[in-house]
N, C-alpha and C. Protein backbone atom coordinates (compact mmCIF):
# COMPACT_ATOMS: atom_id res chain seq x y z
N UNK A 1 0.85 -1.17 0.00
CA UNK A 1 0.00 0.00 0.00
C UNK A 1 0.90 1.24 0.00
N UNK A 2 0.68 2.16 -0.94
CA UNK A 2 1.50 3.37 -0.99
C UNK A 2 0.96 4.44 -0.06
N UNK A 3 1.75 5.49 0.14
CA UNK A 3 1.38 6.54 1.09
C UNK A 3 0.06 7.22 0.71
N UNK A 4 -0.18 7.41 -0.58
CA UNK A 4 -1.43 8.05 -1.01
C UNK A 4 -2.62 7.19 -0.61
N UNK A 5 -2.52 5.87 -0.78
CA UNK A 5 -3.60 4.98 -0.38
C UNK A 5 -3.84 5.03 1.12
N UNK A 6 -2.76 5.08 1.87
CA UNK A 6 -2.88 5.16 3.33
C UNK A 6 -3.59 6.44 3.73
N UNK A 7 -3.15 7.57 3.14
CA UNK A 7 -3.77 8.85 3.48
C UNK A 7 -5.23 8.89 3.03
N UNK A 8 -5.49 8.35 1.85
CA UNK A 8 -6.87 8.35 1.35
C UNK A 8 -7.76 7.53 2.27
N UNK A 9 -7.26 6.38 2.74
CA UNK A 9 -8.08 5.59 3.65
C UNK A 9 -8.21 6.28 5.00
N UNK A 10 -7.18 7.01 5.41
CA UNK A 10 -7.23 7.74 6.67
C UNK A 10 -8.36 8.78 6.63
N UNK A 11 -8.56 9.37 5.47
CA UNK A 11 -9.59 10.39 5.32
C UNK A 11 -10.86 9.84 4.68
N UNK A 12 -10.95 8.52 4.54
CA UNK A 12 -12.12 7.83 3.99
C UNK A 12 -12.47 8.33 2.59
N UNK A 13 -11.44 8.53 1.77
CA UNK A 13 -11.68 8.97 0.40
C UNK A 13 -11.89 7.76 -0.50
N UNK A 14 -12.64 7.96 -1.55
CA UNK A 14 -12.81 6.93 -2.55
C UNK A 14 -12.30 7.49 -3.86
N UNK A 15 -11.40 6.78 -4.49
CA UNK A 15 -10.89 7.23 -5.79
C UNK A 15 -11.98 7.17 -6.82
N UNK A 16 -12.12 8.22 -7.61
CA UNK A 16 -13.14 8.22 -8.65
C UNK A 16 -12.52 8.24 -10.04
N UNK A 17 -11.20 8.04 -10.10
CA UNK A 17 -10.54 7.97 -11.39
C UNK A 17 -10.18 9.31 -12.00
N UNK A 18 -10.65 10.40 -11.42
CA UNK A 18 -10.33 11.72 -11.96
C UNK A 18 -8.98 12.19 -11.44
N UNK A 19 -8.26 12.92 -12.27
CA UNK A 19 -6.98 13.48 -11.85
C UNK A 19 -7.22 14.61 -10.86
N UNK A 20 -6.32 14.72 -9.90
CA UNK A 20 -6.43 15.80 -8.92
C UNK A 20 -6.21 17.14 -9.63
N UNK A 21 -6.94 18.17 -9.22
CA UNK A 21 -6.74 19.48 -9.83
C UNK A 21 -5.35 20.01 -9.49
N UNK A 22 -4.81 20.87 -10.33
CA UNK A 22 -3.46 21.37 -10.08
C UNK A 22 -3.39 22.31 -8.88
N UNK A 23 -2.20 22.36 -8.29
CA UNK A 23 -1.95 23.34 -7.24
C UNK A 23 -1.81 24.69 -7.93
N UNK A 24 -2.53 25.68 -7.43
CA UNK A 24 -2.46 27.02 -8.01
C UNK A 24 -1.47 27.87 -7.23
N UNK A 25 -0.93 28.87 -7.87
CA UNK A 25 0.05 29.75 -7.24
C UNK A 25 -0.60 31.08 -6.89
N UNK A 26 -0.20 31.60 -5.72
CA UNK A 26 -0.64 32.93 -5.30
C UNK A 26 0.59 33.73 -4.88
N UNK A 27 0.58 35.02 -5.16
CA UNK A 27 1.60 35.88 -4.57
C UNK A 27 1.20 36.13 -3.13
N UNK A 28 2.13 36.64 -2.34
CA UNK A 28 1.81 36.97 -0.96
C UNK A 28 0.68 37.98 -0.89
N UNK A 29 0.70 38.98 -1.73
CA UNK A 29 -0.35 40.00 -1.75
C UNK A 29 -1.70 39.39 -2.10
N UNK A 30 -1.74 38.50 -3.10
CA UNK A 30 -2.99 37.84 -3.47
C UNK A 30 -3.52 37.00 -2.31
N UNK A 31 -2.60 36.27 -1.64
CA UNK A 31 -3.01 35.44 -0.50
C UNK A 31 -3.59 36.32 0.61
N UNK A 32 -2.94 37.43 0.88
CA UNK A 32 -3.41 38.35 1.92
C UNK A 32 -4.81 38.87 1.58
N UNK A 33 -5.00 39.30 0.33
CA UNK A 33 -6.30 39.82 -0.07
C UNK A 33 -7.39 38.76 0.03
N UNK A 34 -7.10 37.54 -0.40
CA UNK A 34 -8.07 36.45 -0.33
C UNK A 34 -8.35 36.06 1.13
N UNK A 35 -7.32 36.08 1.96
CA UNK A 35 -7.49 35.76 3.38
C UNK A 35 -8.41 36.80 4.04
N UNK A 36 -8.14 38.06 3.78
CA UNK A 36 -8.96 39.14 4.37
C UNK A 36 -10.41 39.07 3.90
N UNK A 37 -10.61 38.62 2.65
CA UNK A 37 -11.96 38.53 2.09
C UNK A 37 -12.67 37.24 2.52
N UNK A 38 -11.97 36.38 3.25
CA UNK A 38 -12.56 35.11 3.67
C UNK A 38 -12.65 34.08 2.57
N UNK A 39 -11.82 34.24 1.55
CA UNK A 39 -11.87 33.35 0.38
C UNK A 39 -10.92 32.16 0.48
N UNK A 40 -9.99 32.16 1.43
CA UNK A 40 -9.08 31.03 1.61
C UNK A 40 -8.79 30.84 3.10
N UNK A 41 -8.33 29.65 3.42
CA UNK A 41 -7.71 29.37 4.70
C UNK A 41 -6.22 29.33 4.42
N UNK A 42 -5.43 30.10 5.14
CA UNK A 42 -3.98 30.13 4.96
C UNK A 42 -3.34 29.36 6.11
N UNK A 43 -2.42 28.46 5.77
CA UNK A 43 -1.73 27.66 6.77
C UNK A 43 -0.23 27.84 6.62
N UNK A 44 0.41 28.27 7.71
CA UNK A 44 1.86 28.44 7.77
C UNK A 44 2.45 27.09 8.18
N UNK A 45 3.29 26.51 7.32
CA UNK A 45 3.81 25.16 7.55
C UNK A 45 5.25 25.15 8.07
N UNK A 46 5.74 26.30 8.52
CA UNK A 46 7.10 26.36 9.06
C UNK A 46 7.17 25.78 10.47
N UNK A 47 8.34 25.80 11.06
CA UNK A 47 8.53 25.28 12.41
C UNK A 47 8.17 26.34 13.45
N UNK A 48 7.98 25.89 14.67
CA UNK A 48 7.65 26.83 15.75
C UNK A 48 8.77 27.85 15.96
N UNK A 49 10.01 27.44 15.76
CA UNK A 49 11.13 28.38 15.88
C UNK A 49 11.03 29.48 14.82
N UNK A 50 10.68 29.10 13.61
CA UNK A 50 10.51 30.09 12.53
C UNK A 50 9.35 31.03 12.84
N UNK A 51 8.27 30.49 13.40
CA UNK A 51 7.13 31.34 13.76
C UNK A 51 7.55 32.38 14.79
N UNK A 52 8.35 31.96 15.76
CA UNK A 52 8.80 32.89 16.81
C UNK A 52 9.75 33.95 16.23
N UNK A 53 10.57 33.57 15.26
CA UNK A 53 11.56 34.50 14.72
C UNK A 53 10.95 35.59 13.84
N UNK A 54 10.06 35.22 12.93
CA UNK A 54 9.55 36.21 11.97
C UNK A 54 8.06 36.42 12.02
N UNK A 55 7.37 35.73 12.93
CA UNK A 55 5.93 35.90 13.03
C UNK A 55 5.18 35.00 12.06
N UNK A 56 3.88 35.00 12.21
CA UNK A 56 2.96 34.20 11.40
C UNK A 56 2.04 35.18 10.67
N UNK A 57 1.73 34.92 9.41
CA UNK A 57 0.79 35.82 8.74
C UNK A 57 -0.48 35.98 9.57
N UNK A 58 -0.87 37.21 9.76
CA UNK A 58 -2.07 37.49 10.56
C UNK A 58 -3.27 36.75 9.97
N UNK A 59 -3.94 35.97 10.80
CA UNK A 59 -5.10 35.21 10.36
C UNK A 59 -4.81 33.81 9.86
N UNK A 60 -3.52 33.44 9.82
CA UNK A 60 -3.15 32.11 9.32
C UNK A 60 -3.19 31.07 10.43
N UNK A 61 -3.49 29.84 10.04
CA UNK A 61 -3.36 28.71 10.94
C UNK A 61 -1.91 28.22 10.89
N UNK A 62 -1.57 27.34 11.82
CA UNK A 62 -0.21 26.79 11.86
C UNK A 62 -0.27 25.28 11.89
N UNK A 63 0.57 24.64 11.08
CA UNK A 63 0.69 23.19 11.06
C UNK A 63 2.05 22.86 10.44
N UNK A 64 2.97 22.39 11.25
CA UNK A 64 4.31 22.09 10.75
C UNK A 64 4.27 20.88 9.82
N UNK A 65 4.83 21.03 8.64
CA UNK A 65 4.82 19.98 7.62
C UNK A 65 5.35 18.65 8.15
N UNK A 66 6.33 18.67 9.03
CA UNK A 66 6.94 17.45 9.53
C UNK A 66 6.09 16.71 10.57
N UNK A 67 5.04 17.32 11.07
CA UNK A 67 4.18 16.67 12.07
C UNK A 67 3.54 15.42 11.48
N UNK A 68 3.47 14.35 12.26
CA UNK A 68 2.86 13.11 11.80
C UNK A 68 1.40 13.29 11.44
N UNK A 69 0.72 14.17 12.14
CA UNK A 69 -0.71 14.40 11.87
C UNK A 69 -0.93 15.66 11.04
N UNK A 70 0.03 16.00 10.20
CA UNK A 70 -0.03 17.23 9.41
C UNK A 70 -1.35 17.35 8.63
N UNK A 71 -1.71 16.32 7.87
CA UNK A 71 -2.91 16.41 7.05
C UNK A 71 -4.18 16.48 7.90
N UNK A 72 -4.18 15.87 9.04
CA UNK A 72 -5.32 15.99 9.96
C UNK A 72 -5.44 17.44 10.44
N UNK A 73 -4.30 18.08 10.74
CA UNK A 73 -4.32 19.49 11.15
C UNK A 73 -4.84 20.37 10.01
N UNK A 74 -4.42 20.06 8.78
CA UNK A 74 -4.90 20.83 7.63
C UNK A 74 -6.43 20.74 7.55
N UNK A 75 -6.95 19.52 7.71
CA UNK A 75 -8.41 19.35 7.65
C UNK A 75 -9.09 20.14 8.77
N UNK A 76 -8.51 20.16 9.95
CA UNK A 76 -9.09 20.92 11.06
C UNK A 76 -9.15 22.40 10.73
N UNK A 77 -8.12 22.92 10.09
CA UNK A 77 -8.10 24.34 9.72
C UNK A 77 -9.08 24.62 8.57
N UNK A 78 -9.05 23.76 7.54
CA UNK A 78 -9.84 24.00 6.33
C UNK A 78 -11.32 23.66 6.51
N UNK A 79 -11.61 22.57 7.23
CA UNK A 79 -12.99 22.19 7.47
C UNK A 79 -13.57 21.21 6.47
N UNK A 80 -13.09 21.21 5.24
CA UNK A 80 -13.59 20.26 4.24
C UNK A 80 -12.59 20.17 3.09
N UNK A 81 -12.74 19.11 2.30
CA UNK A 81 -11.86 18.93 1.14
C UNK A 81 -12.13 19.97 0.06
N UNK A 82 -13.31 20.56 0.06
CA UNK A 82 -13.68 21.54 -0.96
C UNK A 82 -13.27 22.97 -0.59
N UNK A 83 -12.92 23.20 0.66
CA UNK A 83 -12.55 24.55 1.10
C UNK A 83 -11.22 24.96 0.47
N UNK A 84 -11.12 26.18 -0.02
CA UNK A 84 -9.85 26.65 -0.58
C UNK A 84 -8.81 26.81 0.53
N UNK A 85 -7.66 26.18 0.35
CA UNK A 85 -6.61 26.23 1.37
C UNK A 85 -5.28 26.58 0.70
N UNK A 86 -4.58 27.53 1.31
CA UNK A 86 -3.29 27.98 0.79
C UNK A 86 -2.22 27.70 1.83
N UNK A 87 -1.02 27.39 1.36
CA UNK A 87 0.09 27.08 2.24
C UNK A 87 1.22 28.09 2.03
N UNK A 88 1.87 28.45 3.14
CA UNK A 88 3.00 29.37 3.09
C UNK A 88 4.11 28.82 3.98
N UNK A 89 5.35 29.03 3.55
CA UNK A 89 6.52 28.62 4.34
C UNK A 89 7.55 29.75 4.25
N UNK A 90 8.82 29.44 4.43
CA UNK A 90 9.85 30.48 4.37
C UNK A 90 10.04 30.98 2.94
N UNK A 91 10.19 30.03 1.98
CA UNK A 91 10.53 30.45 0.62
C UNK A 91 9.60 29.92 -0.46
N UNK A 92 8.77 28.95 -0.14
CA UNK A 92 7.85 28.39 -1.12
C UNK A 92 8.05 26.90 -1.39
N UNK A 93 9.13 26.31 -0.91
CA UNK A 93 9.39 24.90 -1.17
C UNK A 93 8.51 23.99 -0.30
N UNK A 94 8.56 24.17 1.01
CA UNK A 94 7.73 23.33 1.90
C UNK A 94 6.25 23.56 1.66
N UNK A 95 5.88 24.79 1.34
CA UNK A 95 4.46 25.04 1.07
C UNK A 95 4.04 24.33 -0.21
N UNK A 96 4.93 24.22 -1.18
CA UNK A 96 4.64 23.46 -2.39
C UNK A 96 4.45 21.98 -2.09
N UNK A 97 5.31 21.44 -1.22
CA UNK A 97 5.17 20.04 -0.79
C UNK A 97 3.87 19.84 -0.04
N UNK A 98 3.54 20.78 0.82
CA UNK A 98 2.30 20.71 1.60
C UNK A 98 1.08 20.72 0.68
N UNK A 99 1.11 21.62 -0.29
CA UNK A 99 0.00 21.71 -1.23
C UNK A 99 -0.15 20.42 -2.03
N UNK A 100 0.95 19.84 -2.45
CA UNK A 100 0.90 18.58 -3.20
C UNK A 100 0.33 17.45 -2.34
N UNK A 101 0.72 17.40 -1.07
CA UNK A 101 0.18 16.38 -0.17
C UNK A 101 -1.33 16.56 0.00
N UNK A 102 -1.75 17.79 0.23
CA UNK A 102 -3.17 18.06 0.42
C UNK A 102 -3.96 17.67 -0.82
N UNK A 103 -3.45 18.03 -1.95
CA UNK A 103 -4.12 17.70 -3.21
C UNK A 103 -4.21 16.18 -3.40
N UNK A 104 -3.14 15.47 -3.03
CA UNK A 104 -3.10 14.02 -3.26
C UNK A 104 -4.10 13.24 -2.41
N UNK A 105 -4.56 13.83 -1.30
CA UNK A 105 -5.54 13.14 -0.47
C UNK A 105 -6.96 13.64 -0.70
N UNK A 106 -7.14 14.57 -1.62
CA UNK A 106 -8.50 14.95 -1.98
C UNK A 106 -8.89 16.40 -1.82
N UNK A 107 -8.02 17.27 -1.29
CA UNK A 107 -8.36 18.69 -1.25
C UNK A 107 -8.41 19.17 -2.69
N UNK A 108 -9.45 19.91 -3.03
CA UNK A 108 -9.69 20.25 -4.43
C UNK A 108 -9.29 21.66 -4.82
N UNK A 109 -9.18 22.56 -3.86
CA UNK A 109 -8.81 23.96 -4.17
C UNK A 109 -7.59 24.31 -3.33
N UNK A 110 -6.42 24.06 -3.91
CA UNK A 110 -5.16 24.13 -3.17
C UNK A 110 -4.24 25.18 -3.81
N UNK A 111 -3.60 25.98 -2.95
CA UNK A 111 -2.74 27.06 -3.40
C UNK A 111 -1.39 27.02 -2.69
N UNK A 112 -0.36 27.45 -3.40
CA UNK A 112 0.98 27.62 -2.83
C UNK A 112 1.33 29.10 -2.92
N UNK A 113 1.72 29.69 -1.80
CA UNK A 113 2.12 31.09 -1.79
C UNK A 113 3.58 31.15 -2.21
N UNK A 114 3.82 31.60 -3.43
CA UNK A 114 5.18 31.67 -3.96
C UNK A 114 5.94 32.80 -3.26
N UNK A 115 7.20 32.54 -2.99
CA UNK A 115 8.00 33.53 -2.29
C UNK A 115 7.89 33.41 -0.79
N UNK A 116 6.86 32.72 -0.31
CA UNK A 116 6.71 32.46 1.11
C UNK A 116 6.78 33.71 1.98
N UNK A 117 7.35 33.53 3.15
CA UNK A 117 7.48 34.64 4.10
C UNK A 117 8.66 35.54 3.76
N UNK A 118 9.79 34.93 3.32
CA UNK A 118 11.03 35.69 3.24
C UNK A 118 11.58 35.90 1.83
N UNK A 119 10.87 35.47 0.81
CA UNK A 119 11.32 35.68 -0.56
C UNK A 119 11.27 37.14 -0.95
N UNK A 120 11.86 37.48 -2.10
CA UNK A 120 11.90 38.88 -2.54
C UNK A 120 10.53 39.53 -2.69
N UNK A 121 9.52 38.75 -3.01
CA UNK A 121 8.16 39.28 -3.09
C UNK A 121 7.26 38.58 -2.09
N UNK A 122 7.87 38.08 -1.01
CA UNK A 122 7.15 37.33 0.00
C UNK A 122 6.39 38.22 0.97
N UNK A 123 5.81 37.59 1.96
CA UNK A 123 4.93 38.25 2.93
C UNK A 123 5.65 39.41 3.63
N UNK A 124 6.87 39.16 4.10
CA UNK A 124 7.60 40.21 4.83
C UNK A 124 8.05 41.34 3.90
N UNK A 125 8.50 41.00 2.70
CA UNK A 125 8.91 42.02 1.74
C UNK A 125 7.74 42.92 1.35
N UNK A 126 6.55 42.35 1.33
CA UNK A 126 5.34 43.12 1.01
C UNK A 126 4.81 43.89 2.23
N UNK A 127 5.47 43.70 3.36
CA UNK A 127 5.09 44.36 4.61
C UNK A 127 3.65 44.06 5.02
N UNK A 128 3.29 42.79 4.86
CA UNK A 128 1.96 42.34 5.25
C UNK A 128 1.95 42.01 6.73
N UNK A 129 0.81 42.08 7.39
CA UNK A 129 0.78 41.95 8.86
C UNK A 129 1.10 40.53 9.35
N UNK A 130 1.81 40.50 10.47
CA UNK A 130 2.15 39.23 11.14
C UNK A 130 1.80 39.34 12.62
N UNK A 131 1.64 38.17 13.23
CA UNK A 131 1.48 38.09 14.67
C UNK A 131 2.56 37.17 15.19
N UNK A 132 2.95 37.35 16.44
CA UNK A 132 3.99 36.51 17.03
C UNK A 132 3.37 35.61 18.08
N UNK A 133 3.58 34.27 17.93
CA UNK A 133 3.02 33.35 18.91
C UNK A 133 3.66 33.53 20.26
N UNK A 134 2.90 33.23 21.30
CA UNK A 134 3.41 33.34 22.67
C UNK A 134 4.20 32.13 23.04
């Protein structure tokens, strides 16, 4: 049994033979605007140390990609497989991996925030609001 089958059974998904929709890209500014409008759930997939160092996008959920229950946490934040969910990390690599994992288990509207928090056009460069965890 491959990892996708395990995750699909974990979430009680049934394969219907259709290809998963592609992961879409958002700039930090687009993600911020959609988050403020209530059009996406944004999840910061960095580590707790990274959250403490540079803050978390205001309004974003947190779920570290390396956590064993990562996809369960994503579902708790998003609420359903149909809810639009975007992922952000430091530079865009882990968020891309996160988005691919979410898509592979059945999330249908998945986004990767390119540039992440610290890229040249990322969240911090755009001077978008952050909060610092306690």
